[in-house]
N, C-alpha and C. Protein backbone atom coordinates (compact mmCIF):
# COMPACT_ATOMS: atom_id res chain seq x y z
N MET A 1 -7.03 20.65 -19.26
CA MET A 1 -6.51 19.36 -19.63
C MET A 1 -7.29 18.24 -18.98
N GLY A 2 -7.99 18.52 -17.87
CA GLY A 2 -8.73 17.47 -17.19
C GLY A 2 -9.59 18.03 -16.09
N TYR A 3 -10.16 17.14 -15.33
CA TYR A 3 -11.07 17.54 -14.25
C TYR A 3 -10.77 16.76 -12.99
N THR A 4 -10.84 17.43 -11.86
CA THR A 4 -10.75 16.78 -10.58
C THR A 4 -12.15 16.29 -10.22
N THR A 5 -12.26 15.03 -9.87
CA THR A 5 -13.58 14.47 -9.55
C THR A 5 -13.82 14.32 -8.06
N SER A 6 -12.75 14.25 -7.27
CA SER A 6 -12.91 14.16 -5.82
C SER A 6 -11.61 14.55 -5.16
N GLY A 7 -11.70 14.88 -3.89
CA GLY A 7 -10.52 15.25 -3.13
C GLY A 7 -10.73 15.03 -1.65
N SER A 8 -9.63 14.87 -0.94
CA SER A 8 -9.69 14.65 0.49
C SER A 8 -8.29 14.82 1.05
N TYR A 9 -8.14 14.61 2.35
CA TYR A 9 -6.83 14.63 2.97
C TYR A 9 -6.42 13.18 3.20
N GLY A 10 -5.24 12.82 2.73
CA GLY A 10 -4.72 11.45 2.92
C GLY A 10 -3.83 11.41 4.14
N HIS A 11 -4.35 10.96 5.25
CA HIS A 11 -3.59 10.93 6.50
C HIS A 11 -2.35 10.04 6.40
N THR A 12 -2.46 8.92 5.72
CA THR A 12 -1.31 8.03 5.64
C THR A 12 -0.22 8.51 4.68
N VAL A 13 -0.55 9.45 3.80
CA VAL A 13 0.46 10.01 2.91
C VAL A 13 0.83 11.44 3.30
N GLY A 14 0.14 12.00 4.26
CA GLY A 14 0.50 13.32 4.80
C GLY A 14 0.19 14.49 3.89
N GLY A 15 -0.88 14.44 3.13
CA GLY A 15 -1.21 15.57 2.28
C GLY A 15 -2.55 15.41 1.59
N ALA A 16 -2.91 16.46 0.87
CA ALA A 16 -4.17 16.45 0.12
C ALA A 16 -4.06 15.52 -1.08
N ILE A 17 -5.16 14.87 -1.39
CA ILE A 17 -5.22 13.96 -2.54
C ILE A 17 -6.42 14.35 -3.38
N GLY A 18 -6.20 14.50 -4.67
CA GLY A 18 -7.29 14.75 -5.61
C GLY A 18 -7.27 13.67 -6.67
N MET A 19 -8.42 13.22 -7.05
CA MET A 19 -8.51 12.21 -8.11
C MET A 19 -9.29 12.81 -9.27
N GLY A 20 -8.89 12.45 -10.47
CA GLY A 20 -9.56 13.02 -11.63
C GLY A 20 -9.12 12.37 -12.92
N TYR A 21 -9.41 13.05 -14.01
CA TYR A 21 -9.15 12.54 -15.35
C TYR A 21 -8.31 13.54 -16.13
N VAL A 22 -7.44 13.01 -16.99
CA VAL A 22 -6.65 13.82 -17.91
C VAL A 22 -7.14 13.50 -19.32
N HIS A 23 -7.45 14.54 -20.09
CA HIS A 23 -7.93 14.36 -21.45
C HIS A 23 -6.90 14.89 -22.44
N HIS A 24 -6.75 14.20 -23.57
CA HIS A 24 -5.87 14.66 -24.63
C HIS A 24 -6.36 14.03 -25.93
N ALA A 25 -6.51 14.84 -26.95
CA ALA A 25 -7.05 14.36 -28.23
C ALA A 25 -6.21 13.22 -28.82
N GLY A 26 -4.91 13.24 -28.60
CA GLY A 26 -4.03 12.21 -29.14
C GLY A 26 -3.94 10.96 -28.29
N GLY A 27 -4.66 10.92 -27.20
CA GLY A 27 -4.64 9.77 -26.30
C GLY A 27 -3.77 10.02 -25.09
N VAL A 28 -3.98 9.22 -24.09
CA VAL A 28 -3.23 9.34 -22.84
C VAL A 28 -2.66 7.98 -22.48
N ASP A 29 -1.36 7.95 -22.20
CA ASP A 29 -0.73 6.73 -21.71
C ASP A 29 0.20 7.11 -20.57
N ALA A 30 0.88 6.14 -19.99
CA ALA A 30 1.74 6.39 -18.84
C ALA A 30 2.82 7.43 -19.15
N GLY A 31 3.44 7.34 -20.32
CA GLY A 31 4.46 8.31 -20.70
C GLY A 31 3.93 9.72 -20.78
N PHE A 32 2.73 9.88 -21.31
CA PHE A 32 2.10 11.19 -21.40
C PHE A 32 1.87 11.77 -20.00
N ILE A 33 1.34 10.97 -19.10
CA ILE A 33 1.09 11.42 -17.73
C ILE A 33 2.40 11.80 -17.05
N GLN A 34 3.40 10.97 -17.15
CA GLN A 34 4.67 11.20 -16.46
C GLN A 34 5.44 12.39 -17.02
N SER A 35 5.22 12.76 -18.26
CA SER A 35 5.97 13.87 -18.86
C SER A 35 5.30 15.23 -18.61
N GLY A 36 4.10 15.23 -18.08
CA GLY A 36 3.36 16.47 -17.90
C GLY A 36 3.71 17.23 -16.63
N ARG A 37 3.27 18.48 -16.59
CA ARG A 37 3.39 19.33 -15.40
C ARG A 37 1.95 19.68 -15.03
N TYR A 38 1.59 19.50 -13.77
CA TYR A 38 0.19 19.62 -13.39
C TYR A 38 -0.02 20.65 -12.28
N GLU A 39 -1.18 21.26 -12.34
CA GLU A 39 -1.62 22.22 -11.32
C GLU A 39 -3.10 22.01 -11.08
N ILE A 40 -3.54 22.33 -9.87
CA ILE A 40 -4.96 22.30 -9.53
C ILE A 40 -5.40 23.74 -9.36
N ASN A 41 -6.49 24.12 -10.03
CA ASN A 41 -7.03 25.48 -9.94
C ASN A 41 -8.13 25.48 -8.88
N ILE A 42 -7.90 26.23 -7.81
CA ILE A 42 -8.89 26.36 -6.74
C ILE A 42 -9.23 27.83 -6.61
N ASN A 43 -10.44 28.18 -7.00
CA ASN A 43 -10.92 29.57 -6.94
C ASN A 43 -9.97 30.55 -7.62
N GLY A 44 -9.46 30.18 -8.77
CA GLY A 44 -8.60 31.06 -9.54
C GLY A 44 -7.14 31.05 -9.14
N ARG A 45 -6.79 30.31 -8.12
CA ARG A 45 -5.39 30.21 -7.70
C ARG A 45 -4.88 28.80 -8.05
N ARG A 46 -3.70 28.74 -8.63
CA ARG A 46 -3.14 27.47 -9.07
C ARG A 46 -2.14 26.93 -8.05
N TYR A 47 -2.25 25.63 -7.80
CA TYR A 47 -1.36 24.94 -6.86
C TYR A 47 -0.68 23.80 -7.60
N PRO A 48 0.64 23.61 -7.36
CA PRO A 48 1.33 22.51 -8.04
C PRO A 48 0.76 21.16 -7.61
N ALA A 49 0.74 20.22 -8.54
CA ALA A 49 0.23 18.88 -8.26
C ALA A 49 1.16 17.86 -8.87
N THR A 50 1.18 16.68 -8.30
CA THR A 50 1.98 15.57 -8.80
C THR A 50 1.05 14.47 -9.27
N ALA A 51 1.22 14.02 -10.48
CA ALA A 51 0.39 12.94 -11.01
C ALA A 51 0.97 11.59 -10.62
N HIS A 52 0.10 10.66 -10.29
CA HIS A 52 0.50 9.29 -9.95
C HIS A 52 -0.29 8.34 -10.84
N LEU A 53 0.34 7.28 -11.26
CA LEU A 53 -0.35 6.27 -12.05
C LEU A 53 -1.09 5.28 -11.15
N ARG A 54 -0.70 5.21 -9.92
CA ARG A 54 -1.37 4.40 -8.91
C ARG A 54 -1.65 5.28 -7.70
N ALA A 55 -2.62 4.89 -6.93
CA ALA A 55 -2.96 5.67 -5.74
C ALA A 55 -1.76 5.72 -4.79
N PRO A 56 -1.41 6.93 -4.27
CA PRO A 56 -0.33 7.00 -3.29
C PRO A 56 -0.75 6.21 -2.04
N TYR A 57 0.17 5.44 -1.52
CA TYR A 57 -0.17 4.56 -0.41
C TYR A 57 1.07 4.35 0.43
N ASP A 58 0.90 4.28 1.72
CA ASP A 58 1.99 4.10 2.67
C ASP A 58 1.72 2.81 3.45
N PRO A 59 2.00 1.64 2.85
CA PRO A 59 1.61 0.38 3.48
C PRO A 59 2.28 0.11 4.83
N GLN A 60 3.46 0.65 5.08
CA GLN A 60 4.12 0.46 6.37
C GLN A 60 3.74 1.56 7.38
N ARG A 61 2.90 2.49 6.98
CA ARG A 61 2.42 3.60 7.82
C ARG A 61 3.58 4.44 8.37
N LYS A 62 4.66 4.55 7.62
CA LYS A 62 5.84 5.28 8.07
C LYS A 62 5.55 6.75 8.34
N ARG A 63 4.73 7.36 7.49
CA ARG A 63 4.46 8.79 7.64
C ARG A 63 3.70 9.10 8.93
N ILE A 64 2.76 8.26 9.30
CA ILE A 64 1.98 8.58 10.49
C ILE A 64 2.64 8.09 11.77
N LEU A 65 3.62 7.16 11.68
CA LEU A 65 4.30 6.66 12.87
C LEU A 65 5.57 7.43 13.20
N ASP A 66 6.09 8.20 12.25
CA ASP A 66 7.32 8.99 12.51
C ASP A 66 7.02 10.22 13.33
């Protein structure tokens, strides 16, 4: 359905972050993204993933200060 273009560990959000693209012949909009179920395939093993329409961000730094 798509490709991961980059990944890293997000210290302020407390987890791995992958960025990429979702492709669909009928088009992609916010409703399409939000209604989907996503997984990341790493060396043949699938891991659950959560799609975000905006970059996850912790502006008050609550995760790293707790």
